[in-house]
């Protein structure tokens, strides 16, 4: 199994200076804005729940 992907930028300030946090799996620290955040996989969406707009594109 492959290693999990790391975030490319901070969701708060957009900076790319991120480091893994000591808080545990999925936790990251941003050196630019001094915030910590955690990534969490919630699950897969059920097929058929996507709605289409009248022009044919997905929303």
PDB file of N, CA and C in Angstrom:
ATOM      1  N   UNK A   1       0.850  -1.172   0.000  1.00  0.00           N
ATOM      2  CA  UNK A   1       0.000   0.000   0.000  1.00  0.00           C
ATOM      3  C   UNK A   1       0.894   1.232   0.000  1.00  0.00           C
ATOM      4  N   UNK A   2       0.482   2.275  -0.684  1.00  0.00           N
ATOM      5  CA  UNK A   2       1.293   3.481  -0.794  1.00  0.00           C
ATOM      6  C   UNK A   2       1.104   4.387   0.423  1.00  0.00           C
ATOM      7  N   UNK A   3       2.057   5.288   0.595  1.00  0.00           N
ATOM      8  CA  UNK A   3       1.998   6.247   1.674  1.00  0.00           C
ATOM      9  C   UNK A   3       0.936   7.302   1.374  1.00  0.00           C
ATOM     10  N   UNK A   4       0.307   7.827   2.399  1.00  0.00           N
ATOM     11  CA  UNK A   4      -0.735   8.843   2.208  1.00  0.00           C
ATOM     12  C   UNK A   4      -0.145  10.145   1.710  1.00  0.00           C
ATOM     13  N   UNK A   5      -0.941  10.881   0.960  1.00  0.00           N
ATOM     14  CA  UNK A   5      -0.495  12.149   0.398  1.00  0.00           C
ATOM     15  C   UNK A   5      -0.505  13.241   1.462  1.00  0.00           C
ATOM     16  N   UNK A   6       0.427  14.150   1.364  1.00  0.00           N
ATOM     17  CA  UNK A   6       0.516  15.290   2.268  1.00  0.00           C
ATOM     18  C   UNK A   6      -0.207  16.481   1.644  1.00  0.00           C
ATOM     19  N   UNK A   7      -0.733  17.390   2.473  1.00  0.00           N
ATOM     20  CA  UNK A   7      -1.369  18.585   1.918  1.00  0.00           C
ATOM     21  C   UNK A   7      -0.319  19.474   1.247  1.00  0.00           C
ATOM     22  N   UNK A   8      -0.715  20.185   0.205  1.00  0.00           N
ATOM     23  CA  UNK A   8       0.200  21.059  -0.519  1.00  0.00           C
ATOM     24  C   UNK A   8       0.266  22.459   0.081  1.00  0.00           C
ATOM     25  N   UNK A   9      -0.818  22.887   0.748  1.00  0.00           N
ATOM     26  CA  UNK A   9      -0.853  24.235   1.304  1.00  0.00           C
ATOM     27  C   UNK A   9      -1.759  24.275   2.528  1.00  0.00           C
ATOM     28  N   UNK A  10      -1.576  25.294   3.342  1.00  0.00           N
ATOM     29  CA  UNK A  10      -2.377  25.489   4.548  1.00  0.00           C
ATOM     30  C   UNK A  10      -3.797  25.905   4.153  1.00  0.00           C
ATOM     31  N   UNK A  11      -4.828  25.286   4.727  1.00  0.00           N
ATOM     32  CA  UNK A  11      -6.203  25.666   4.386  1.00  0.00           C
ATOM     33  C   UNK A  11      -6.601  27.030   4.951  1.00  0.00           C
ATOM     34  N   UNK A  12      -5.797  27.609   5.832  1.00  0.00           N
ATOM     35  CA  UNK A  12      -6.119  28.898   6.439  1.00  0.00           C
ATOM     36  C   UNK A  12      -5.449  30.067   5.729  1.00  0.00           C
ATOM     37  N   UNK A  13      -4.130  29.938   5.457  1.00  0.00           N
ATOM     38  CA  UNK A  13      -3.408  31.072   4.877  1.00  0.00           C
ATOM     39  C   UNK A  13      -2.880  30.791   3.472  1.00  0.00           C
ATOM     40  N   UNK A  14      -2.871  29.533   3.049  1.00  0.00           N
ATOM     41  CA  UNK A  14      -2.415  29.186   1.712  1.00  0.00           C
ATOM     42  C   UNK A  14      -0.922  28.979   1.579  1.00  0.00           C
ATOM     43  N   UNK A  15      -0.168  29.156   2.653  1.00  0.00           N
ATOM     44  CA  UNK A  15       1.284  28.984   2.593  1.00  0.00           C
ATOM     45  C   UNK A  15       1.643  27.503   2.456  1.00  0.00           C
ATOM     46  N   UNK A  16       2.836  27.238   1.956  1.00  0.00           N
ATOM     47  CA  UNK A  16       3.277  25.862   1.711  1.00  0.00           C
ATOM     48  C   UNK A  16       4.280  25.350   2.740  1.00  0.00           C
ATOM     49  N   UNK A  17       4.562  26.124   3.789  1.00  0.00           N
ATOM     50  CA  UNK A  17       5.533  25.723   4.802  1.00  0.00           C
ATOM     51  C   UNK A  17       4.846  24.881   5.876  1.00  0.00           C
ATOM     52  N   UNK A  18       4.561  23.630   5.535  1.00  0.00           N
ATOM     53  CA  UNK A  18       3.843  22.717   6.430  1.00  0.00           C
ATOM     54  C   UNK A  18       4.782  21.644   6.964  1.00  0.00           C
ATOM     55  N   UNK A  19       4.511  21.226   8.197  1.00  0.00           N
ATOM     56  CA  UNK A  19       5.285  20.157   8.822  1.00  0.00           C
ATOM     57  C   UNK A  19       4.324  19.230   9.551  1.00  0.00           C
ATOM     58  N   UNK A  20       4.647  17.929   9.584  1.00  0.00           N
ATOM     59  CA  UNK A  20       3.798  17.014  10.364  1.00  0.00           C
ATOM     60  C   UNK A  20       3.798  17.423  11.839  1.00  0.00           C
ATOM     61  N   UNK A  21       2.657  17.335  12.477  1.00  0.00           N
ATOM     62  CA  UNK A  21       2.527  17.685  13.882  1.00  0.00           C
ATOM     63  C   UNK A  21       2.819  16.482  14.757  1.00  0.00           C
ATOM     64  N   UNK A  22       3.214  16.745  15.988  1.00  0.00           N
ATOM     65  CA  UNK A  22       3.446  15.673  16.958  1.00  0.00           C
ATOM     66  C   UNK A  22       2.137  15.151  17.530  1.00  0.00           C
ATOM     67  N   UNK A  23       1.018  15.787  17.196  1.00  0.00           N
ATOM     68  CA  UNK A  23      -0.288  15.400  17.732  1.00  0.00           C
ATOM     69  C   UNK A  23      -0.759  14.039  17.231  1.00  0.00           C
ATOM     70  N   UNK A  24      -0.224  13.573  16.129  1.00  0.00           N
ATOM     71  CA  UNK A  24      -0.618  12.259  15.646  1.00  0.00           C
ATOM     72  C   UNK A  24      -0.839  12.225  14.154  1.00  0.00           C
ATOM     73  N   UNK A  25      -1.387  11.112  13.700  1.00  0.00           N
ATOM     74  CA  UNK A  25      -1.585  10.866  12.277  1.00  0.00           C
ATOM     75  C   UNK A  25      -2.560  11.866  11.663  1.00  0.00           C
ATOM     76  N   UNK A  26      -2.155  12.483  10.569  1.00  0.00           N
ATOM     77  CA  UNK A  26      -3.022  13.409   9.857  1.00  0.00           C
ATOM     78  C   UNK A  26      -2.988  14.830  10.372  1.00  0.00           C
ATOM     79  N   UNK A  27      -2.168  15.110  11.387  1.00  0.00           N
ATOM     80  CA  UNK A  27      -2.085  16.456  11.945  1.00  0.00           C
ATOM     81  C   UNK A  27      -0.892  17.191  11.335  1.00  0.00           C
ATOM     82  N   UNK A  28      -1.104  18.463  11.001  1.00  0.00           N
ATOM     83  CA  UNK A  28      -0.075  19.283  10.353  1.00  0.00           C
ATOM     84  C   UNK A  28       0.011  20.634  11.027  1.00  0.00           C
ATOM     85  N   UNK A  29       1.200  21.256  10.948  1.00  0.00           N
ATOM     86  CA  UNK A  29       1.420  22.590  11.480  1.00  0.00           C
ATOM     87  C   UNK A  29       1.893  23.502  10.362  1.00  0.00           C
ATOM     88  N   UNK A  30       1.374  24.725  10.342  1.00  0.00           N
ATOM     89  CA  UNK A  30       1.781  25.727   9.365  1.00  0.00           C
ATOM     90  C   UNK A  30       2.710  26.719  10.057  1.00  0.00           C
ATOM     91  N   UNK A  31       3.931  26.847   9.554  1.00  0.00           N
ATOM     92  CA  UNK A  31       4.903  27.760  10.152  1.00  0.00           C
ATOM     93  C   UNK A  31       4.565  29.214   9.840  1.00  0.00           C
ATOM     94  N   UNK A  32       3.847  29.470   8.762  1.00  0.00           N
ATOM     95  CA  UNK A  32       3.539  30.841   8.360  1.00  0.00           C
ATOM     96  C   UNK A  32       2.483  31.488   9.259  1.00  0.00           C
ATOM     97  N   UNK A  33       1.382  30.791   9.523  1.00  0.00           N
ATOM     98  CA  UNK A  33       0.307  31.386  10.327  1.00  0.00           C
ATOM     99  C   UNK A  33       0.220  30.791  11.734  1.00  0.00           C
ATOM    100  N   UNK A  34       1.118  29.853  12.037  1.00  0.00           N
ATOM    101  CA  UNK A  34       1.206  29.249  13.368  1.00  0.00           C
ATOM    102  C   UNK A  34      -0.080  28.523  13.774  1.00  0.00           C
ATOM    103  N   UNK A  35      -0.749  27.908  12.800  1.00  0.00           N
ATOM    104  CA  UNK A  35      -1.961  27.139  13.066  1.00  0.00           C
ATOM    105  C   UNK A  35      -1.676  25.650  12.882  1.00  0.00           C
ATOM    106  N   UNK A  36      -2.447  24.843  13.587  1.00  0.00           N
ATOM    107  CA  UNK A  36      -2.383  23.397  13.432  1.00  0.00           C
ATOM    108  C   UNK A  36      -3.741  22.925  12.927  1.00  0.00           C
ATOM    109  N   UNK A  37      -3.721  21.924  12.071  1.00  0.00           N
ATOM    110  CA  UNK A  37      -4.971  21.376  11.549  1.00  0.00           C
ATOM    111  C   UNK A  37      -4.791  19.881  11.331  1.00  0.00           C
ATOM    112  N   UNK A  38      -5.909  19.195  11.163  1.00  0.00           N
ATOM    113  CA  UNK A  38      -5.879  17.756  10.979  1.00  0.00           C
ATOM    114  C   UNK A  38      -6.704  17.369   9.770  1.00  0.00           C
ATOM    115  N   UNK A  39      -6.173  16.446   8.982  1.00  0.00           N
ATOM    116  CA  UNK A  39      -6.885  15.921   7.825  1.00  0.00           C
ATOM    117  C   UNK A  39      -7.561  14.616   8.225  1.00  0.00           C
ATOM    118  N   UNK A  40      -8.783  14.432   7.753  1.00  0.00           N
ATOM    119  CA  UNK A  40      -9.524  13.229   8.108  1.00  0.00           C
ATOM    120  C   UNK A  40     -10.352  12.776   6.917  1.00  0.00           C
ATOM    121  N   UNK A  41     -10.225  11.510   6.574  1.00  0.00           N
ATOM    122  CA  UNK A  41     -11.027  10.919   5.506  1.00  0.00           C
ATOM    123  C   UNK A  41     -12.389  10.549   6.087  1.00  0.00           C
ATOM    124  N   UNK A  42     -13.451  11.049   5.487  1.00  0.00           N
ATOM    125  CA  UNK A  42     -14.787  10.810   6.012  1.00  0.00           C
ATOM    126  C   UNK A  42     -15.461   9.591   5.414  1.00  0.00           C
ATOM    127  N   UNK A  43     -15.119   9.228   4.177  1.00  0.00           N
ATOM    128  CA  UNK A  43     -15.727   8.070   3.541  1.00  0.00           C
ATOM    129  C   UNK A  43     -15.995   8.327   2.082  1.00  0.00           C
ATOM    130  N   UNK A  44     -16.535   7.336   1.430  1.00  0.00           N
ATOM    131  CA  UNK A  44     -16.858   7.440   0.015  1.00  0.00           C
ATOM    132  C   UNK A  44     -18.316   7.854  -0.151  1.00  0.00           C
ATOM    133  N   UNK A  45     -18.576   8.632  -1.176  1.00  0.00           N
ATOM    134  CA  UNK A  45     -19.952   9.020  -1.486  1.00  0.00           C
ATOM    135  C   UNK A  45     -20.638   7.878  -2.225  1.00  0.00           C
ATOM    136  N   UNK A  46     -21.899   7.700  -1.949  1.00  0.00           N
ATOM    137  CA  UNK A  46     -22.661   6.659  -2.627  1.00  0.00           C
ATOM    138  C   UNK A  46     -22.867   7.034  -4.088  1.00  0.00           C
ATOM    139  N   UNK A  47     -22.753   6.080  -4.972  1.00  0.00           N
ATOM    140  CA  UNK A  47     -22.957   6.337  -6.396  1.00  0.00           C
ATOM    141  C   UNK A  47     -24.405   6.770  -6.619  1.00  0.00           C
ATOM    142  N   UNK A  48     -24.583   7.765  -7.470  1.00  0.00           N
ATOM    143  CA  UNK A  48     -25.915   8.244  -7.783  1.00  0.00           C
ATOM    144  C   UNK A  48     -26.335   9.450  -6.969  1.00  0.00           C
ATOM    145  N   UNK A  49     -25.533   9.883  -6.007  1.00  0.00           N
ATOM    146  CA  UNK A  49     -25.894  11.057  -5.224  1.00  0.00           C
ATOM    147  C   UNK A  49     -25.480  12.351  -5.886  1.00  0.00           C
ATOM    148  N   UNK A  50     -24.660  12.301  -6.922  1.00  0.00           N
ATOM    149  CA  UNK A  50     -24.264  13.511  -7.643  1.00  0.00           C
ATOM    150  C   UNK A  50     -25.445  14.027  -8.447  1.00  0.00           C
ATOM    151  N   UNK A  51     -25.632  15.316  -8.394  1.00  0.00           N
ATOM    152  CA  UNK A  51     -26.688  15.918  -9.187  1.00  0.00           C
ATOM    153  C   UNK A  51     -26.085  16.623 -10.377  1.00  0.00           C
ATOM    154  N   UNK A  52     -26.788  16.625 -11.466  1.00  0.00           N
ATOM    155  CA  UNK A  52     -26.330  17.312 -12.672  1.00  0.00           C
ATOM    156  C   UNK A  52     -27.134  18.583 -12.848  1.00  0.00           C
ATOM    157  N   UNK A  53     -26.461  19.583 -13.378  1.00  0.00           N
ATOM    158  CA  UNK A  53     -27.148  20.836 -13.683  1.00  0.00           C
ATOM    159  C   UNK A  53     -27.817  20.689 -15.037  1.00  0.00           C
ATOM    160  N   UNK A  54     -28.768  21.565 -15.362  1.00  0.00           N
ATOM    161  CA  UNK A  54     -29.467  21.450 -16.656  1.00  0.00           C
ATOM    162  C   UNK A  54     -28.539  21.519 -17.864  1.00  0.00           C
ATOM    163  N   UNK A  55     -27.369  22.161 -17.726  1.00  0.00           N
ATOM    164  CA  UNK A  55     -26.458  22.258 -18.867  1.00  0.00           C
ATOM    165  C   UNK A  55     -25.622  20.994 -19.044  1.00  0.00           C
ATOM    166  N   UNK A  56     -25.826  20.013 -18.182  1.00  0.00           N
ATOM    167  CA  UNK A  56     -25.126  18.734 -18.317  1.00  0.00           C
ATOM    168  C   UNK A  56     -23.892  18.579 -17.462  1.00  0.00           C
ATOM    169  N   UNK A  57     -23.450  19.644 -16.796  1.00  0.00           N
ATOM    170  CA  UNK A  57     -22.262  19.569 -15.956  1.00  0.00           C
ATOM    171  C   UNK A  57     -22.597  19.100 -14.563  1.00  0.00           C
ATOM    172  N   UNK A  58     -21.617  18.577 -13.860  1.00  0.00           N
ATOM    173  CA  UNK A  58     -21.817  18.163 -12.478  1.00  0.00           C
ATOM    174  C   UNK A  58     -21.758  19.383 -11.577  1.00  0.00           C
ATOM    175  N   UNK A  59     -22.513  19.359 -10.512  1.00  0.00           N
ATOM    176  CA  UNK A  59     -22.468  20.478  -9.567  1.00  0.00           C
ATOM    177  C   UNK A  59     -21.732  20.085  -8.328  1.00  0.00           C
TER     178      UNK A  59
END
